[in-house]
Amino acid sequence: MIIDWGEGERRLTDTVSVLVGEANGAYPSGNTLLVRGAGESVVIDPSVTVVERGGAPVEVDAVINSHSHEDHMAGNGLFADAALHIHDADIIGAQSIDGLMEVYGLTGEPRAAFEQTILDEFHYMPRPDAQGFADGHVFDLGGGVTVDAVHLPGHTRGHSGFRMDGVFFLSDIDLTGFGPYYGDVWSDLEDFEASLTKVRDEEADYYVTFHHKGIIEGRDTFVEMIDAFTAVIGRRHQAMLDFLAEPRSIDDMRAHRFIYRPHVEHSFADSVEERSATMHVDRMLHRGEAVEVEPGRYRAS
């Protein structure tokens, strides 16, 4: 359905718009990209706000998901007649909810609770018709309008950004003070750092994040923001290393919380803390910054 978004649609160029989510794309919403070509129009990451508003300002021929997380796929069912594209490495998360749970790595009660949230609040609809793409894939929308896929793994295995007409969509490299999120089974700290180095070289007039920061104008501002975002990893690492001044277990680190503040309640918070701590401890052991003093207990060297 064609919906007039009014001021909710921010036109960046003749072909690229941002459909701004509630509270500038704060979770659970997000900022959706709309790209108009001479032959096709696509939306990238249709948010819950797109679903709530009932559609986009044009007929949508295809949906592109930057990765398989619940908030980026909320509108996949709304555009059920449009083709769906997602990176090969994340395709199972779009195809079925069991596949999506595999991406998160949740089990037991946390899985059951979050699965219900995904169905109720994020309108999840399986798309077994999803088509995969790889790094460097070019979506040709006609009239010289293209969307180029840039694989930026770490957040998930298939997490991707997109380059188009002076605009770069960063997806969940969201440049917030919270910092990079690498707490799923399909997350990887080393890959995330490599992706941050890679995307820092992107030249664009506008950079767009799915959450919070939204539209960023100019490369100088972008570089300043991505450097600050990247620095969060080092601060977390040092905080964890300081915590290991005396022997601690991963359970101790999970309970202490280095990612989320103590008052934050999420069904997945404990698993995120545990996985993140495990990645940092592995890095400490590899660097010789910490030692395993007894099975499952670690101390800074």
Protein backbone atom coordinates (compact mmCIF):
# COMPACT_ATOMS: atom_id res chain seq x y z
CA MET A 1 0.00 0.00 0.00
CA ILE A 2 1.24 3.50 -0.86
CA ILE A 3 1.35 5.70 2.25
CA ASP A 4 2.18 9.40 2.40
CA TRP A 5 4.83 9.72 5.09
CA GLY A 6 4.91 13.51 5.02
CA GLU A 7 7.78 14.83 7.11
CA GLY A 8 8.54 11.28 8.21
CA GLU A 9 10.22 10.76 4.86
CA ARG A 10 13.60 12.49 4.68
CA ARG A 11 14.77 12.84 1.07
CA LEU A 12 18.57 12.69 0.93
CA THR A 13 18.91 12.53 -2.86
CA ASP A 14 16.58 12.23 -5.84
CA THR A 15 16.54 8.48 -5.35
CA VAL A 16 17.25 7.77 -1.66
CA SER A 17 14.99 8.55 1.30
CA VAL A 18 14.95 7.65 4.97
CA LEU A 19 11.64 6.57 6.48
CA VAL A 20 12.39 7.79 9.98
CA GLY A 21 11.35 5.47 12.77
CA GLU A 22 9.77 6.44 16.06
CA ALA A 23 12.16 8.40 18.31
CA ASN A 24 14.66 8.72 15.45
CA GLY A 25 14.84 4.96 15.10
CA ALA A 26 15.36 4.03 18.74
CA TYR A 27 14.86 0.32 19.41
CA PRO A 28 12.41 -1.36 18.89
CA SER A 29 11.98 0.82 15.80
CA GLY A 30 14.58 1.82 13.23
CA ASN A 31 15.30 4.00 10.21
CA THR A 32 14.31 2.34 6.93
CA LEU A 33 15.94 3.19 3.60
CA LEU A 34 13.78 3.67 0.49
CA VAL A 35 15.50 3.65 -2.89
CA ARG A 36 13.59 4.57 -6.03
CA GLY A 37 14.87 3.32 -9.38
CA ALA A 38 13.43 3.71 -12.86
CA GLY A 39 12.44 0.05 -12.88
CA GLU A 40 12.10 -0.97 -9.23
CA SER A 41 11.86 0.49 -5.75
CA VAL A 42 13.27 -1.25 -2.69
CA VAL A 43 13.15 -0.81 1.06
CA ILE A 44 16.07 -1.78 3.23
CA ASP A 45 15.20 -3.01 6.75
CA PRO A 46 11.46 -2.24 7.03
CA SER A 47 10.95 -1.26 10.68
CA VAL A 48 8.04 -1.68 13.06
CA THR A 49 7.15 1.95 12.29
CA VAL A 50 6.76 1.02 8.60
CA VAL A 51 4.42 -1.77 9.67
CA GLU A 52 2.46 0.52 11.99
CA ARG A 53 2.05 3.10 9.23
CA GLY A 54 0.93 0.40 6.82
CA GLY A 55 3.43 0.74 4.00
CA ALA A 56 5.83 2.98 2.08
CA PRO A 57 5.41 6.08 -0.12
CA VAL A 58 5.76 3.93 -3.27
CA GLU A 59 4.96 0.41 -4.39
CA VAL A 60 7.76 -1.80 -3.10
CA ASP A 61 9.20 -4.36 -5.51
CA ALA A 62 11.84 -5.82 -3.21
CA VAL A 63 12.93 -5.83 0.42
CA ILE A 64 16.59 -6.06 1.44
CA ASN A 65 17.46 -7.09 4.99
CA SER A 66 20.88 -5.99 6.25
CA HIS A 67 20.91 -9.00 8.59
CA SER A 68 18.63 -11.36 10.46
CA HIS A 69 17.62 -9.58 13.64
CA GLU A 70 14.02 -9.10 14.63
CA ASP A 71 13.87 -5.30 14.32
CA HIS A 72 15.29 -5.29 10.77
CA MET A 73 12.77 -7.83 9.46
CA ALA A 74 9.56 -6.47 10.99
CA GLY A 75 8.09 -5.51 7.61
CA ASN A 76 9.02 -8.67 5.72
CA GLY A 77 5.46 -9.90 6.07
CA LEU A 78 3.91 -6.55 5.19
CA PHE A 79 5.64 -6.73 1.80
CA ALA A 80 4.88 -10.41 1.30
CA ASP A 81 4.52 -10.02 -2.48
CA ALA A 82 7.91 -8.32 -2.85
CA ALA A 83 11.13 -10.26 -3.41
CA LEU A 84 13.24 -10.62 -0.26
CA HIS A 85 17.05 -10.46 -0.23
CA ILE A 86 19.47 -11.11 2.64
CA HIS A 87 23.14 -12.11 2.84
CA ASP A 88 23.76 -15.83 2.32
CA ALA A 89 25.24 -16.16 5.82
CA ASP A 90 22.06 -14.89 7.52
CA ILE A 91 19.41 -16.31 5.23
CA ILE A 92 18.13 -18.94 7.66
CA GLY A 93 17.04 -16.19 10.06
CA ALA A 94 14.65 -14.81 7.45
CA GLN A 95 13.41 -18.20 6.32
CA SER A 96 12.08 -19.47 9.67
CA ILE A 97 11.85 -18.52 13.31
CA ASP A 98 13.83 -21.64 14.23
CA GLY A 99 16.60 -20.33 11.98
CA LEU A 100 16.40 -16.93 13.67
CA MET A 101 16.73 -18.55 17.10
CA GLU A 102 19.85 -20.32 15.82
CA VAL A 103 21.34 -16.91 14.96
CA TYR A 104 20.69 -15.67 18.52
CA GLY A 105 21.75 -18.91 20.15
CA LEU A 106 19.07 -18.70 22.83
CA THR A 107 17.74 -21.83 24.52
CA GLY A 108 15.19 -22.75 27.18
CA GLU A 109 13.03 -20.08 28.80
CA PRO A 110 14.95 -17.09 27.34
CA ARG A 111 14.34 -18.50 23.86
CA ALA A 112 10.63 -19.09 24.47
CA ALA A 113 10.14 -15.60 25.91
CA PHE A 114 12.03 -13.82 23.14
CA GLU A 115 10.38 -15.90 20.42
CA GLN A 116 6.99 -14.72 21.65
CA THR A 117 8.19 -11.12 21.70
CA ILE A 118 9.41 -11.44 18.11
CA LEU A 119 6.02 -12.73 17.02
CA ASP A 120 3.93 -10.25 19.01
CA GLU A 121 5.95 -7.04 18.79
CA PHE A 122 8.02 -7.48 15.63
CA HIS A 123 5.39 -9.11 13.41
CA TYR A 124 7.83 -11.84 12.38
CA MET A 125 6.74 -13.75 9.30
CA PRO A 126 8.84 -16.57 7.83
CA ARG A 127 10.04 -15.93 4.30
CA PRO A 128 11.15 -19.30 2.90
CA ASP A 129 11.39 -17.54 -0.47
CA ALA A 130 14.30 -15.37 0.74
CA GLN A 131 17.14 -15.02 -1.76
CA GLY A 132 20.78 -14.78 -0.70
CA PHE A 133 23.46 -12.38 -1.87
CA ALA A 134 27.18 -11.99 -1.24
CA ASP A 135 29.65 -9.16 -0.71
CA GLY A 136 29.79 -6.87 -3.72
CA HIS A 137 26.38 -7.83 -5.10
CA VAL A 138 24.81 -4.99 -7.09
CA PHE A 139 21.06 -4.52 -7.08
CA ASP A 140 20.23 -2.72 -10.34
CA LEU A 141 16.98 -0.78 -9.96
CA GLY A 142 17.07 0.79 -13.41
CA GLY A 143 17.91 4.25 -14.68
CA GLY A 144 21.44 4.06 -13.30
CA VAL A 145 20.22 3.53 -9.73
CA THR A 146 22.06 0.77 -7.89
CA VAL A 147 22.42 -0.57 -4.36
CA ASP A 148 25.81 -2.18 -3.66
CA ALA A 149 26.08 -4.71 -0.84
CA VAL A 150 29.10 -4.42 1.48
CA HIS A 151 29.57 -7.39 3.82
CA LEU A 152 30.35 -6.12 7.35
CA PRO A 153 30.23 -9.19 9.62
CA GLY A 154 30.71 -9.28 13.37
CA HIS A 155 27.31 -8.17 14.60
CA THR A 156 26.01 -11.26 12.80
CA ARG A 157 27.76 -13.46 10.23
CA GLY A 158 25.90 -11.84 7.35
CA HIS A 159 25.54 -8.26 8.57
CA SER A 160 25.86 -5.92 5.59
CA GLY A 161 25.91 -2.23 4.74
CA PHE A 162 24.78 -0.69 1.47
CA ARG A 163 26.27 1.93 -0.81
CA MET A 164 24.03 4.05 -3.07
CA ASP A 165 23.95 7.50 -4.72
CA GLY A 166 26.09 9.37 -2.17
CA VAL A 167 24.54 7.50 0.76
CA PHE A 168 25.96 4.68 2.88
CA PHE A 169 23.63 2.65 5.11
CA LEU A 170 25.51 1.40 8.18
CA SER A 171 22.68 -0.69 9.61
CA ASP A 172 23.70 -1.78 13.15
CA ILE A 173 27.08 -0.13 13.11
CA ASP A 174 24.93 2.45 14.82
CA LEU A 175 27.63 4.76 16.26
CA THR A 176 25.93 5.03 19.65
CA GLY A 177 27.63 5.44 23.01
CA PHE A 178 26.49 1.88 23.83
CA GLY A 179 29.09 0.65 21.38
CA PRO A 180 29.31 -2.44 19.16
CA TYR A 181 27.02 -5.38 19.91
CA TYR A 182 28.61 -8.81 19.46
CA GLY A 183 26.67 -10.89 21.96
CA ASP A 184 24.97 -13.52 19.79
CA VAL A 185 26.22 -16.98 18.88
CA TRP A 186 26.65 -15.61 15.34
CA SER A 187 28.60 -12.57 16.51
CA ASP A 188 32.37 -12.27 16.39
CA LEU A 189 34.57 -9.61 17.98
CA GLU A 190 37.46 -9.97 15.55
CA ASP A 191 35.13 -9.74 12.55
CA PHE A 192 33.40 -6.69 14.00
CA GLU A 193 36.69 -4.85 14.42
CA ALA A 194 37.70 -5.71 10.86
CA SER A 195 34.34 -4.41 9.60
CA LEU A 196 34.79 -1.15 11.49
CA THR A 197 38.19 -0.67 9.87
CA LYS A 198 36.72 -1.48 6.45
CA VAL A 199 33.69 0.80 6.65
CA ARG A 200 35.73 3.72 7.98
CA ASP A 201 37.10 4.15 4.44
CA GLU A 202 33.66 4.59 2.87
CA GLU A 203 33.17 7.93 1.13
CA ALA A 204 29.63 9.33 1.20
CA ASP A 205 27.70 12.55 1.61
CA TYR A 206 25.34 10.90 4.07
CA TYR A 207 25.74 7.95 6.42
CA VAL A 208 22.59 6.42 7.90
CA THR A 209 22.29 4.20 10.97
CA PHE A 210 19.27 2.02 11.62
CA HIS A 211 19.09 3.17 15.25
CA HIS A 212 19.40 6.42 17.16
CA LYS A 213 21.91 8.54 15.27
CA GLY A 214 19.96 8.32 12.01
CA ILE A 215 21.27 10.66 9.30
CA ILE A 216 24.89 11.80 9.59
CA GLU A 217 26.09 14.45 7.16
CA GLY A 218 29.69 14.56 5.96
CA ARG A 219 32.66 12.24 6.19
CA ASP A 220 34.50 14.21 8.88
CA THR A 221 31.61 13.81 11.31
CA PHE A 222 31.26 10.15 10.41
CA VAL A 223 34.96 9.42 11.03
CA GLU A 224 34.82 11.12 14.42
CA MET A 225 31.76 9.08 15.37
CA ILE A 226 33.03 5.72 14.17
CA ASP A 227 36.33 6.21 15.98
CA ALA A 228 34.43 6.91 19.22
CA PHE A 229 32.21 3.87 18.59
CA THR A 230 35.23 1.63 18.00
CA ALA A 231 36.92 2.89 21.18
CA VAL A 232 34.14 1.35 23.29
CA ILE A 233 35.61 -2.10 22.61
CA GLY A 234 38.92 -1.10 24.18
CA ARG A 235 37.21 0.42 27.22
CA ARG A 236 35.16 -2.73 27.78
CA HIS A 237 38.27 -4.85 27.47
CA GLN A 238 40.17 -2.76 30.02
CA ALA A 239 37.23 -2.80 32.44
CA MET A 240 37.09 -6.58 32.25
CA LEU A 241 40.85 -6.85 32.69
CA ASP A 242 40.65 -4.63 35.77
CA PHE A 243 37.89 -6.87 37.13
CA LEU A 244 40.27 -9.83 36.83
CA ALA A 245 42.69 -8.32 39.34
CA GLU A 246 41.58 -11.29 41.40
CA PRO A 247 40.45 -14.66 40.03
CA ARG A 248 36.98 -14.57 38.51
CA SER A 249 34.81 -16.84 36.40
CA ILE A 250 32.79 -16.02 33.31
CA ASP A 251 29.70 -16.31 35.55
CA ASP A 252 31.19 -13.61 37.81
CA MET A 253 31.73 -11.39 34.78
CA ARG A 254 28.21 -12.02 33.51
CA ALA A 255 26.73 -11.06 36.88
CA HIS A 256 28.90 -7.93 37.12
CA ARG A 257 27.67 -6.70 33.70
CA PHE A 258 30.01 -4.95 31.30
CA ILE A 259 27.61 -4.52 28.37
CA TYR A 260 24.26 -3.61 29.90
CA ARG A 261 23.63 -1.48 32.96
CA PRO A 262 22.43 -3.45 35.99
CA HIS A 263 18.85 -2.14 35.79
CA VAL A 264 18.32 -3.21 32.16
CA GLU A 265 15.99 -6.19 31.89
CA HIS A 266 16.16 -8.25 28.70
CA SER A 267 15.50 -11.97 28.33
CA PHE A 268 18.78 -12.19 26.43
CA ALA A 269 20.94 -9.93 28.65
CA ASP A 270 22.67 -12.74 30.55
CA SER A 271 23.59 -14.61 27.38
CA VAL A 272 24.95 -11.40 25.80
CA GLU A 273 27.09 -10.68 28.86
CA GLU A 274 28.39 -14.25 28.94
CA ARG A 275 29.30 -14.40 25.26
CA SER A 276 30.88 -10.95 25.25
CA ALA A 277 32.96 -11.73 28.33
CA THR A 278 34.07 -15.03 26.81
CA MET A 279 35.32 -13.28 23.65
CA HIS A 280 37.29 -10.75 25.68
CA VAL A 281 38.78 -13.38 27.97
CA ASP A 282 39.85 -15.40 24.94
CA ARG A 283 41.55 -12.27 23.64
CA MET A 284 43.28 -11.72 26.99
CA LEU A 285 44.58 -15.29 27.04
CA HIS A 286 45.83 -14.99 23.48
CA ARG A 287 47.63 -11.73 24.26
CA GLY A 288 49.08 -13.01 27.51
CA GLU A 289 47.12 -10.40 29.49
CA ALA A 290 45.43 -13.03 31.67
CA VAL A 291 45.91 -16.63 32.76
CA GLU A 292 43.56 -19.43 33.74
CA VAL A 293 44.53 -20.02 37.38
CA GLU A 294 42.20 -22.98 37.77
CA PRO A 295 39.58 -24.49 35.47
CA GLY A 296 37.13 -21.74 34.54
CA ARG A 297 38.73 -19.01 36.66
CA TYR A 298 40.89 -16.25 35.22
CA ARG A 299 43.21 -13.58 36.60
CA ALA A 300 45.00 -10.68 34.94
CA SER A 301 48.71 -11.35 34.42
